[in-house]
Amino acid sequence: MKSWENLEADENLILSTHMTKGRQGCKIDKIVVHHNASNLTARQIYDVWQTREASAHYQVAADGRVSQHVWDTDTAWHTGDWPSNLTSIGVEHADISADPWM
């Protein structure tokens, strides 16, 4: 993370699709952690989300680099539940373990 004090990611690759502008007046009250079942870089997960109807606010790569893909003020499509999407920050991480994933 470029700056923990300012929550500034190492890289911003902001999606313009598969996310929703704003949060319909909802406040963030949770963080949801996911794994991408692969060892994807920021660019690779960005490319996946260009074609898949999913997204998350952040991606943490295996080397620890953090990228932001949806602004915190906007809604990522990551929980499969619209009310949860509206009130959460989604953090995706590279999972280099094998099936079953850790």
PDB file of N, CA and C in Angstrom:
ATOM      1  N   MET A   1       0.850  -1.157   0.000  1.00  0.00           N
ATOM      2  CA  MET A   1       0.000   0.000   0.000  1.00  0.00           C
ATOM      3  C   MET A   1       0.899   1.223   0.000  1.00  0.00           C
ATOM      4  N   LYS A   2       0.679   2.086  -0.934  1.00  0.00           N
ATOM      5  CA  LYS A   2       1.497   3.290  -1.077  1.00  0.00           C
ATOM      6  C   LYS A   2       1.439   4.142   0.195  1.00  0.00           C
ATOM      7  N   SER A   3       0.224   4.325   0.745  1.00  0.00           N
ATOM      8  CA  SER A   3       0.081   5.107   1.968  1.00  0.00           C
ATOM      9  C   SER A   3      -1.048   4.542   2.816  1.00  0.00           C
ATOM     10  N   TRP A   4      -0.709   3.944   3.948  1.00  0.00           N
ATOM     11  CA  TRP A   4      -1.729   3.433   4.865  1.00  0.00           C
ATOM     12  C   TRP A   4      -2.461   4.575   5.549  1.00  0.00           C
ATOM     13  N   GLU A   5      -1.780   5.675   5.813  1.00  0.00           N
ATOM     14  CA  GLU A   5      -2.413   6.805   6.485  1.00  0.00           C
ATOM     15  C   GLU A   5      -3.514   7.424   5.640  1.00  0.00           C
ATOM     16  N   ASN A   6      -3.323   7.445   4.330  1.00  0.00           N
ATOM     17  CA  ASN A   6      -4.304   8.052   3.434  1.00  0.00           C
ATOM     18  C   ASN A   6      -5.085   7.015   2.626  1.00  0.00           C
ATOM     19  N   LEU A   7      -4.891   5.726   2.933  1.00  0.00           N
ATOM     20  CA  LEU A   7      -5.527   4.632   2.188  1.00  0.00           C
ATOM     21  C   LEU A   7      -5.312   4.791   0.688  1.00  0.00           C
ATOM     22  N   GLU A   8      -4.060   4.986   0.334  1.00  0.00           N
ATOM     23  CA  GLU A   8      -3.687   5.167  -1.065  1.00  0.00           C
ATOM     24  C   GLU A   8      -3.054   3.880  -1.583  1.00  0.00           C
ATOM     25  N   ALA A   9      -3.690   3.255  -2.563  1.00  0.00           N
ATOM     26  CA  ALA A   9      -3.201   2.002  -3.130  1.00  0.00           C
ATOM     27  C   ALA A   9      -1.922   2.230  -3.931  1.00  0.00           C
ATOM     28  N   ASP A  10      -1.191   1.149  -4.159  1.00  0.00           N
ATOM     29  CA  ASP A  10       0.013   1.224  -4.988  1.00  0.00           C
ATOM     30  C   ASP A  10      -0.328   1.590  -6.428  1.00  0.00           C
ATOM     31  N   GLU A  11      -1.503   1.146  -6.878  1.00  0.00           N
ATOM     32  CA  GLU A  11      -1.906   1.363  -8.266  1.00  0.00           C
ATOM     33  C   GLU A  11      -3.421   1.477  -8.323  1.00  0.00           C
ATOM     34  N   ASN A  12      -3.925   2.408  -9.128  1.00  0.00           N
ATOM     35  CA  ASN A  12      -5.362   2.546  -9.360  1.00  0.00           C
ATOM     36  C   ASN A  12      -5.670   2.115 -10.785  1.00  0.00           C
ATOM     37  N   LEU A  13      -6.491   1.099 -10.914  1.00  0.00           N
ATOM     38  CA  LEU A  13      -7.016   0.649 -12.204  1.00  0.00           C
ATOM     39  C   LEU A  13      -8.535   0.610 -12.036  1.00  0.00           C
ATOM     40  N   ILE A  14      -9.165   1.761 -12.155  1.00  0.00           N
ATOM     41  CA  ILE A  14     -10.572   1.914 -11.799  1.00  0.00           C
ATOM     42  C   ILE A  14     -11.477   1.427 -12.931  1.00  0.00           C
ATOM     43  N   LEU A  15     -12.392   0.555 -12.556  1.00  0.00           N
ATOM     44  CA  LEU A  15     -13.352  -0.022 -13.501  1.00  0.00           C
ATOM     45  C   LEU A  15     -14.434   0.989 -13.858  1.00  0.00           C
ATOM     46  N   SER A  16     -14.927   0.900 -15.070  1.00  0.00           N
ATOM     47  CA  SER A  16     -16.073   1.705 -15.489  1.00  0.00           C
ATOM     48  C   SER A  16     -17.268   0.809 -15.787  1.00  0.00           C
ATOM     49  N   THR A  17     -17.098  -0.488 -15.558  1.00  0.00           N
ATOM     50  CA  THR A  17     -18.161  -1.458 -15.790  1.00  0.00           C
ATOM     51  C   THR A  17     -18.191  -2.440 -14.622  1.00  0.00           C
ATOM     52  N   HIS A  18     -19.298  -3.151 -14.478  1.00  0.00           N
ATOM     53  CA  HIS A  18     -19.470  -4.164 -13.434  1.00  0.00           C
ATOM     54  C   HIS A  18     -19.280  -3.601 -12.029  1.00  0.00           C
ATOM     55  N   MET A  19     -19.772  -2.378 -11.846  1.00  0.00           N
ATOM     56  CA  MET A  19     -19.817  -1.682 -10.555  1.00  0.00           C
ATOM     57  C   MET A  19     -20.921  -0.648 -10.690  1.00  0.00           C
ATOM     58  N   THR A  20     -21.301  -0.047  -9.583  1.00  0.00           N
ATOM     59  CA  THR A  20     -22.370   0.947  -9.609  1.00  0.00           C
ATOM     60  C   THR A  20     -21.887   2.219  -8.919  1.00  0.00           C
ATOM     61  N   LYS A  21     -22.100   3.349  -9.559  1.00  0.00           N
ATOM     62  CA  LYS A  21     -21.728   4.643  -8.978  1.00  0.00           C
ATOM     63  C   LYS A  21     -22.554   4.894  -7.728  1.00  0.00           C
ATOM     64  N   GLY A  22     -21.897   5.370  -6.685  1.00  0.00           N
ATOM     65  CA  GLY A  22     -22.579   5.710  -5.450  1.00  0.00           C
ATOM     66  C   GLY A  22     -22.927   4.495  -4.599  1.00  0.00           C
ATOM     67  N   ARG A  23     -23.612   4.762  -3.469  1.00  0.00           N
ATOM     68  CA  ARG A  23     -24.004   3.708  -2.523  1.00  0.00           C
ATOM     69  C   ARG A  23     -25.453   3.860  -2.080  1.00  0.00           C
ATOM     70  N   GLN A  24     -26.237   4.595  -2.850  1.00  0.00           N
ATOM     71  CA  GLN A  24     -27.663   4.792  -2.568  1.00  0.00           C
ATOM     72  C   GLN A  24     -27.901   5.262  -1.130  1.00  0.00           C
ATOM     73  N   GLY A  25     -27.013   6.104  -0.624  1.00  0.00           N
ATOM     74  CA  GLY A  25     -27.164   6.666   0.708  1.00  0.00           C
ATOM     75  C   GLY A  25     -26.730   5.746   1.843  1.00  0.00           C
ATOM     76  N   CYS A  26     -26.233   4.559   1.529  1.00  0.00           N
ATOM     77  CA  CYS A  26     -25.814   3.600   2.564  1.00  0.00           C
ATOM     78  C   CYS A  26     -24.419   3.926   3.078  1.00  0.00           C
ATOM     79  N   LYS A  27     -24.160   3.545   4.311  1.00  0.00           N
ATOM     80  CA  LYS A  27     -22.841   3.726   4.925  1.00  0.00           C
ATOM     81  C   LYS A  27     -22.109   2.388   4.964  1.00  0.00           C
ATOM     82  N   ILE A  28     -20.801   2.448   4.833  1.00  0.00           N
ATOM     83  CA  ILE A  28     -19.965   1.249   4.897  1.00  0.00           C
ATOM     84  C   ILE A  28     -19.891   0.788   6.347  1.00  0.00           C
ATOM     85  N   ASP A  29     -20.184  -0.501   6.572  1.00  0.00           N
ATOM     86  CA  ASP A  29     -20.095  -1.045   7.927  1.00  0.00           C
ATOM     87  C   ASP A  29     -19.394  -2.392   7.989  1.00  0.00           C
ATOM     88  N   LYS A  30     -18.795  -2.811   6.862  1.00  0.00           N
ATOM     89  CA  LYS A  30     -18.094  -4.093   6.870  1.00  0.00           C
ATOM     90  C   LYS A  30     -17.072  -4.173   5.742  1.00  0.00           C
ATOM     91  N   ILE A  31     -16.127  -5.063   5.928  1.00  0.00           N
ATOM     92  CA  ILE A  31     -15.155  -5.418   4.892  1.00  0.00           C
ATOM     93  C   ILE A  31     -15.347  -6.891   4.593  1.00  0.00           C
ATOM     94  N   VAL A  32     -15.441  -7.225   3.321  1.00  0.00           N
ATOM     95  CA  VAL A  32     -15.604  -8.611   2.896  1.00  0.00           C
ATOM     96  C   VAL A  32     -14.332  -9.022   2.158  1.00  0.00           C
ATOM     97  N   VAL A  33     -13.701 -10.101   2.627  1.00  0.00           N
ATOM     98  CA  VAL A  33     -12.455 -10.578   2.033  1.00  0.00           C
ATOM     99  C   VAL A  33     -12.762 -11.789   1.152  1.00  0.00           C
ATOM    100  N   HIS A  34     -12.252 -11.745  -0.063  1.00  0.00           N
ATOM    101  CA  HIS A  34     -12.422 -12.811  -1.049  1.00  0.00           C
ATOM    102  C   HIS A  34     -11.046 -13.290  -1.507  1.00  0.00           C
ATOM    103  N   HIS A  35     -11.013 -14.410  -2.195  1.00  0.00           N
ATOM    104  CA  HIS A  35      -9.776 -14.821  -2.865  1.00  0.00           C
ATOM    105  C   HIS A  35     -10.110 -15.092  -4.317  1.00  0.00           C
ATOM    106  N   ASN A  36      -9.152 -14.826  -5.194  1.00  0.00           N
ATOM    107  CA  ASN A  36      -9.427 -14.985  -6.616  1.00  0.00           C
ATOM    108  C   ASN A  36      -8.994 -16.336  -7.166  1.00  0.00           C
ATOM    109  N   ALA A  37      -8.662 -17.265  -6.282  1.00  0.00           N
ATOM    110  CA  ALA A  37      -8.341 -18.639  -6.677  1.00  0.00           C
ATOM    111  C   ALA A  37      -7.259 -18.687  -7.755  1.00  0.00           C
ATOM    112  N   SER A  38      -6.364 -17.737  -7.675  1.00  0.00           N
ATOM    113  CA  SER A  38      -5.276 -17.677  -8.642  1.00  0.00           C
ATOM    114  C   SER A  38      -4.240 -16.689  -8.121  1.00  0.00           C
ATOM    115  N   ASN A  39      -3.157 -16.572  -8.828  1.00  0.00           N
ATOM    116  CA  ASN A  39      -2.089 -15.650  -8.465  1.00  0.00           C
ATOM    117  C   ASN A  39      -2.117 -14.490  -9.458  1.00  0.00           C
ATOM    118  N   LEU A  40      -3.178 -13.679  -9.390  1.00  0.00           N
ATOM    119  CA  LEU A  40      -3.372 -12.627 -10.368  1.00  0.00           C
ATOM    120  C   LEU A  40      -2.765 -11.304  -9.909  1.00  0.00           C
ATOM    121  N   THR A  41      -2.227 -10.572 -10.876  1.00  0.00           N
ATOM    122  CA  THR A  41      -1.726  -9.222 -10.638  1.00  0.00           C
ATOM    123  C   THR A  41      -2.891  -8.237 -10.725  1.00  0.00           C
ATOM    124  N   ALA A  42      -2.625  -6.995 -10.431  1.00  0.00           N
ATOM    125  CA  ALA A  42      -3.636  -5.942 -10.545  1.00  0.00           C
ATOM    126  C   ALA A  42      -4.207  -5.884 -11.962  1.00  0.00           C
ATOM    127  N   ARG A  43      -3.338  -5.897 -12.955  1.00  0.00           N
ATOM    128  CA  ARG A  43      -3.793  -5.820 -14.349  1.00  0.00           C
ATOM    129  C   ARG A  43      -4.614  -7.053 -14.736  1.00  0.00           C
ATOM    130  N   GLN A  44      -4.188  -8.224 -14.283  1.00  0.00           N
ATOM    131  CA  GLN A  44      -4.908  -9.448 -14.631  1.00  0.00           C
ATOM    132  C   GLN A  44      -6.307  -9.477 -14.028  1.00  0.00           C
ATOM    133  N   ILE A  45      -6.464  -9.085 -12.755  1.00  0.00           N
ATOM    134  CA  ILE A  45      -7.800  -9.086 -12.157  1.00  0.00           C
ATOM    135  C   ILE A  45      -8.658  -7.996 -12.786  1.00  0.00           C
ATOM    136  N   TYR A  46      -8.065  -6.869 -13.130  1.00  0.00           N
ATOM    137  CA  TYR A  46      -8.780  -5.809 -13.843  1.00  0.00           C
ATOM    138  C   TYR A  46      -9.335  -6.349 -15.162  1.00  0.00           C
ATOM    139  N   ASP A  47      -8.508  -7.067 -15.903  1.00  0.00           N
ATOM    140  CA  ASP A  47      -8.946  -7.641 -17.175  1.00  0.00           C
ATOM    141  C   ASP A  47     -10.070  -8.664 -16.989  1.00  0.00           C
ATOM    142  N   VAL A  48      -9.992  -9.470 -15.927  1.00  0.00           N
ATOM    143  CA  VAL A  48     -11.059 -10.434 -15.633  1.00  0.00           C
ATOM    144  C   VAL A  48     -12.369  -9.687 -15.399  1.00  0.00           C
ATOM    145  N   TRP A  49     -12.323  -8.622 -14.613  1.00  0.00           N
ATOM    146  CA  TRP A  49     -13.537  -7.890 -14.275  1.00  0.00           C
ATOM    147  C   TRP A  49     -14.090  -7.072 -15.433  1.00  0.00           C
ATOM    148  N   GLN A  50     -13.353  -6.940 -16.508  1.00  0.00           N
ATOM    149  CA  GLN A  50     -13.885  -6.291 -17.707  1.00  0.00           C
ATOM    150  C   GLN A  50     -14.916  -7.198 -18.396  1.00  0.00           C
ATOM    151  N   THR A  51     -14.792  -8.509 -18.212  1.00  0.00           N
ATOM    152  CA  THR A  51     -15.673  -9.445 -18.915  1.00  0.00           C
ATOM    153  C   THR A  51     -16.588 -10.237 -17.981  1.00  0.00           C
ATOM    154  N   ARG A  52     -16.320 -10.201 -16.693  1.00  0.00           N
ATOM    155  CA  ARG A  52     -17.114 -10.950 -15.716  1.00  0.00           C
ATOM    156  C   ARG A  52     -17.915  -9.963 -14.876  1.00  0.00           C
ATOM    157  N   GLU A  53     -19.175 -10.252 -14.636  1.00  0.00           N
ATOM    158  CA  GLU A  53     -20.034  -9.339 -13.882  1.00  0.00           C
ATOM    159  C   GLU A  53     -19.719  -9.428 -12.393  1.00  0.00           C
ATOM    160  N   ALA A  54     -18.541  -8.968 -12.041  1.00  0.00           N
ATOM    161  CA  ALA A  54     -18.073  -8.955 -10.656  1.00  0.00           C
ATOM    162  C   ALA A  54     -16.988  -7.896 -10.538  1.00  0.00           C
ATOM    163  N   SER A  55     -16.725  -7.490  -9.296  1.00  0.00           N
ATOM    164  CA  SER A  55     -15.658  -6.531  -9.028  1.00  0.00           C
ATOM    165  C   SER A  55     -15.416  -6.505  -7.526  1.00  0.00           C
ATOM    166  N   ALA A  56     -14.358  -5.855  -7.122  1.00  0.00           N
ATOM    167  CA  ALA A  56     -14.081  -5.583  -5.715  1.00  0.00           C
ATOM    168  C   ALA A  56     -13.368  -4.243  -5.660  1.00  0.00           C
ATOM    169  N   HIS A  57     -13.355  -3.653  -4.504  1.00  0.00           N
ATOM    170  CA  HIS A  57     -12.715  -2.353  -4.357  1.00  0.00           C
ATOM    171  C   HIS A  57     -11.192  -2.457  -4.473  1.00  0.00           C
ATOM    172  N   TYR A  58     -10.633  -3.521  -3.866  1.00  0.00           N
ATOM    173  CA  TYR A  58      -9.180  -3.676  -3.820  1.00  0.00           C
ATOM    174  C   TYR A  58      -8.765  -5.091  -4.204  1.00  0.00           C
ATOM    175  N   GLN A  59      -7.546  -5.208  -4.721  1.00  0.00           N
ATOM    176  CA  GLN A  59      -6.890  -6.484  -4.990  1.00  0.00           C
ATOM    177  C   GLN A  59      -5.546  -6.443  -4.278  1.00  0.00           C
ATOM    178  N   VAL A  60      -5.233  -7.511  -3.554  1.00  0.00           N
ATOM    179  CA  VAL A  60      -3.918  -7.643  -2.931  1.00  0.00           C
ATOM    180  C   VAL A  60      -3.197  -8.775  -3.657  1.00  0.00           C
ATOM    181  N   ALA A  61      -2.119  -8.449  -4.341  1.00  0.00           N
ATOM    182  CA  ALA A  61      -1.358  -9.439  -5.097  1.00  0.00           C
ATOM    183  C   ALA A  61      -0.472 -10.249  -4.148  1.00  0.00           C
ATOM    184  N   ALA A  62       0.042 -11.360  -4.630  1.00  0.00           N
ATOM    185  CA  ALA A  62       0.885 -12.240  -3.812  1.00  0.00           C
ATOM    186  C   ALA A  62       2.135 -11.518  -3.296  1.00  0.00           C
ATOM    187  N   ASP A  63       2.604 -10.503  -4.023  1.00  0.00           N
ATOM    188  CA  ASP A  63       3.789  -9.765  -3.579  1.00  0.00           C
ATOM    189  C   ASP A  63       3.444  -8.639  -2.596  1.00  0.00           C
ATOM    190  N   GLY A  64       2.152  -8.521  -2.235  1.00  0.00           N
ATOM    191  CA  GLY A  64       1.725  -7.519  -1.270  1.00  0.00           C
ATOM    192  C   GLY A  64       1.283  -6.195  -1.855  1.00  0.00           C
ATOM    193  N   ARG A  65       1.438  -6.035  -3.168  1.00  0.00           N
ATOM    194  CA  ARG A  65       1.003  -4.780  -3.793  1.00  0.00           C
ATOM    195  C   ARG A  65      -0.516  -4.693  -3.785  1.00  0.00           C
ATOM    196  N   VAL A  66      -1.026  -3.513  -3.451  1.00  0.00           N
ATOM    197  CA  VAL A  66      -2.465  -3.283  -3.362  1.00  0.00           C
ATOM    198  C   VAL A  66      -2.904  -2.395  -4.524  1.00  0.00           C
ATOM    199  N   SER A  67      -3.935  -2.826  -5.206  1.00  0.00           N
ATOM    200  CA  SER A  67      -4.500  -2.009  -6.283  1.00  0.00           C
ATOM    201  C   SER A  67      -5.962  -1.722  -5.965  1.00  0.00           C
ATOM    202  N   GLN A  68      -6.414  -0.544  -6.375  1.00  0.00           N
ATOM    203  CA  GLN A  68      -7.816  -0.182  -6.191  1.00  0.00           C
ATOM    204  C   GLN A  68      -8.513  -0.238  -7.536  1.00  0.00           C
ATOM    205  N   HIS A  69      -9.730  -0.840  -7.549  1.00  0.00           N
ATOM    206  CA  HIS A  69     -10.475  -1.047  -8.796  1.00  0.00           C
ATOM    207  C   HIS A  69     -11.851  -0.402  -8.787  1.00  0.00           C
ATOM    208  N   VAL A  70     -12.390  -0.139  -7.615  1.00  0.00           N
ATOM    209  CA  VAL A  70     -13.647   0.594  -7.462  1.00  0.00           C
ATOM    210  C   VAL A  70     -13.413   1.585  -6.327  1.00  0.00           C
ATOM    211  N   TRP A  71     -13.779   2.843  -6.546  1.00  0.00           N
ATOM    212  CA  TRP A  71     -13.619   3.840  -5.484  1.00  0.00           C
ATOM    213  C   TRP A  71     -14.468   3.440  -4.283  1.00  0.00           C
ATOM    214  N   ASP A  72     -14.017   3.770  -3.084  1.00  0.00           N
ATOM    215  CA  ASP A  72     -14.752   3.428  -1.861  1.00  0.00           C
ATOM    216  C   ASP A  72     -16.153   4.026  -1.852  1.00  0.00           C
ATOM    217  N   THR A  73     -16.347   5.148  -2.502  1.00  0.00           N
ATOM    218  CA  THR A  73     -17.651   5.811  -2.544  1.00  0.00           C
ATOM    219  C   THR A  73     -18.619   5.131  -3.509  1.00  0.00           C
ATOM    220  N   ASP A  74     -18.129   4.186  -4.305  1.00  0.00           N
ATOM    221  CA  ASP A  74     -18.962   3.463  -5.253  1.00  0.00           C
ATOM    222  C   ASP A  74     -19.168   2.020  -4.795  1.00  0.00           C
ATOM    223  N   THR A  75     -20.086   1.322  -5.437  1.00  0.00           N
ATOM    224  CA  THR A  75     -20.482  -0.023  -5.037  1.00  0.00           C
ATOM    225  C   THR A  75     -19.853  -1.065  -5.956  1.00  0.00           C
ATOM    226  N   ALA A  76     -19.047  -1.935  -5.377  1.00  0.00           N
ATOM    227  CA  ALA A  76     -18.494  -3.072  -6.128  1.00  0.00           C
ATOM    228  C   ALA A  76     -19.506  -4.219  -6.095  1.00  0.00           C
ATOM    229  N   TRP A  77     -19.443  -5.071  -7.087  1.00  0.00           N
ATOM    230  CA  TRP A  77     -20.339  -6.230  -7.180  1.00  0.00           C
ATOM    231  C   TRP A  77     -19.577  -7.452  -6.696  1.00  0.00           C
ATOM    232  N   HIS A  78     -19.537  -7.673  -5.405  1.00  0.00           N
ATOM    233  CA  HIS A  78     -18.665  -8.729  -4.893  1.00  0.00           C
ATOM    234  C   HIS A  78     -19.318  -9.711  -3.925  1.00  0.00           C
ATOM    235  N   THR A  79     -20.475  -9.405  -3.362  1.00  0.00           N
ATOM    236  CA  THR A  79     -21.028 -10.312  -2.353  1.00  0.00           C
ATOM    237  C   THR A  79     -22.119 -11.231  -2.877  1.00  0.00           C
ATOM    238  N   GLY A  80     -22.692 -10.909  -4.025  1.00  0.00           N
ATOM    239  CA  GLY A  80     -23.829 -11.689  -4.509  1.00  0.00           C
ATOM    240  C   GLY A  80     -25.127 -11.276  -3.823  1.00  0.00           C
ATOM    241  N   ASP A  81     -25.075 -10.209  -3.023  1.00  0.00           N
ATOM    242  CA  ASP A  81     -26.228  -9.730  -2.274  1.00  0.00           C
ATOM    243  C   ASP A  81     -26.204  -8.206  -2.323  1.00  0.00           C
ATOM    244  N   TRP A  82     -27.196  -7.605  -2.976  1.00  0.00           N
ATOM    245  CA  TRP A  82     -27.160  -6.173  -3.218  1.00  0.00           C
ATOM    246  C   TRP A  82     -27.054  -5.343  -1.937  1.00  0.00           C
ATOM    247  N   PRO A  83     -27.853  -5.603  -0.901  1.00  0.00           N
ATOM    248  CA  PRO A  83     -27.709  -4.812   0.328  1.00  0.00           C
ATOM    249  C   PRO A  83     -26.295  -4.915   0.931  1.00  0.00           C
ATOM    250  N   SER A  84     -25.680  -6.077   0.863  1.00  0.00           N
ATOM    251  CA  SER A  84     -24.306  -6.231   1.365  1.00  0.00           C
ATOM    252  C   SER A  84     -23.309  -5.471   0.502  1.00  0.00           C
ATOM    253  N   ASN A  85     -23.510  -5.484  -0.811  1.00  0.00           N
ATOM    254  CA  ASN A  85     -22.632  -4.713  -1.690  1.00  0.00           C
ATOM    255  C   ASN A  85     -22.667  -3.234  -1.327  1.00  0.00           C
ATOM    256  N   LEU A  86     -23.858  -2.729  -1.041  1.00  0.00           N
ATOM    257  CA  LEU A  86     -24.024  -1.306  -0.740  1.00  0.00           C
ATOM    258  C   LEU A  86     -23.330  -0.883   0.540  1.00  0.00           C
ATOM    259  N   THR A  87     -23.114  -1.811   1.473  1.00  0.00           N
ATOM    260  CA  THR A  87     -22.596  -1.450   2.794  1.00  0.00           C
ATOM    261  C   THR A  87     -21.224  -2.042   3.096  1.00  0.00           C
ATOM    262  N   SER A  88     -20.522  -2.475   2.066  1.00  0.00           N
ATOM    263  CA  SER A  88     -19.226  -3.124   2.320  1.00  0.00           C
ATOM    264  C   SER A  88     -18.143  -2.658   1.360  1.00  0.00           C
ATOM    265  N   ILE A  89     -16.914  -2.895   1.793  1.00  0.00           N
ATOM    266  CA  ILE A  89     -15.725  -2.750   0.957  1.00  0.00           C
ATOM    267  C   ILE A  89     -15.275  -4.167   0.628  1.00  0.00           C
ATOM    268  N   GLY A  90     -15.046  -4.457  -0.631  1.00  0.00           N
ATOM    269  CA  GLY A  90     -14.583  -5.772  -1.058  1.00  0.00           C
ATOM    270  C   GLY A  90     -13.082  -5.781  -1.273  1.00  0.00           C
ATOM    271  N   VAL A  91     -12.409  -6.732  -0.629  1.00  0.00           N
ATOM    272  CA  VAL A  91     -10.965  -6.894  -0.790  1.00  0.00           C
ATOM    273  C   VAL A  91     -10.710  -8.285  -1.341  1.00  0.00           C
ATOM    274  N   GLU A  92     -10.178  -8.344  -2.534  1.00  0.00           N
ATOM    275  CA  GLU A  92      -9.840  -9.596  -3.209  1.00  0.00           C
ATOM    276  C   GLU A  92      -8.355  -9.842  -2.998  1.00  0.00           C
ATOM    277  N   HIS A  93      -7.966 -11.094  -2.801  1.00  0.00           N
ATOM    278  CA  HIS A  93      -6.536 -11.339  -2.687  1.00  0.00           C
ATOM    279  C   HIS A  93      -6.138 -12.542  -3.523  1.00  0.00           C
ATOM    280  N   ALA A  94      -4.920 -12.479  -4.002  1.00  0.00           N
ATOM    281  CA  ALA A  94      -4.363 -13.607  -4.750  1.00  0.00           C
ATOM    282  C   ALA A  94      -4.212 -14.782  -3.797  1.00  0.00           C
ATOM    283  N   ASP A  95      -4.651 -15.930  -4.248  1.00  0.00           N
ATOM    284  CA  ASP A  95      -4.557 -17.138  -3.420  1.00  0.00           C
ATOM    285  C   ASP A  95      -3.689 -18.140  -4.170  1.00  0.00           C
ATOM    286  N   ILE A  96      -2.455 -18.281  -3.702  1.00  0.00           N
ATOM    287  CA  ILE A  96      -1.506 -19.144  -4.407  1.00  0.00           C
ATOM    288  C   ILE A  96      -1.497 -20.561  -3.869  1.00  0.00           C
ATOM    289  N   SER A  97      -2.421 -20.853  -2.926  1.00  0.00           N
ATOM    290  CA  SER A  97      -2.530 -22.224  -2.438  1.00  0.00           C
ATOM    291  C   SER A  97      -3.311 -23.062  -3.447  1.00  0.00           C
ATOM    292  N   ALA A  98      -3.359 -24.341  -3.218  1.00  0.00           N
ATOM    293  CA  ALA A  98      -4.058 -25.245  -4.141  1.00  0.00           C
ATOM    294  C   ALA A  98      -5.423 -25.629  -3.553  1.00  0.00           C
ATOM    295  N   ASP A  99      -6.256 -26.209  -4.377  1.00  0.00           N
ATOM    296  CA  ASP A  99      -7.564 -26.666  -3.965  1.00  0.00           C
ATOM    297  C   ASP A  99      -7.388 -27.837  -2.988  1.00  0.00           C
ATOM    298  N   PRO A 100      -7.910 -27.832  -1.768  1.00  0.00           N
ATOM    299  CA  PRO A 100      -8.808 -26.776  -1.269  1.00  0.00           C
ATOM    300  C   PRO A 100      -8.025 -25.537  -0.869  1.00  0.00           C
ATOM    301  N   TRP A 101      -8.589 -24.378  -1.213  1.00  0.00           N
ATOM    302  CA  TRP A 101      -7.906 -23.124  -0.944  1.00  0.00           C
ATOM    303  C   TRP A 101      -7.885 -22.811   0.539  1.00  0.00           C
ATOM    304  N   MET A 102      -6.849 -22.144   0.943  1.00  0.00           N
ATOM    305  CA  MET A 102      -6.695 -21.762   2.338  1.00  0.00           C
ATOM    306  C   MET A 102      -7.416 -20.475   2.598  1.00  0.00           C
TER     307      MET A 102
END
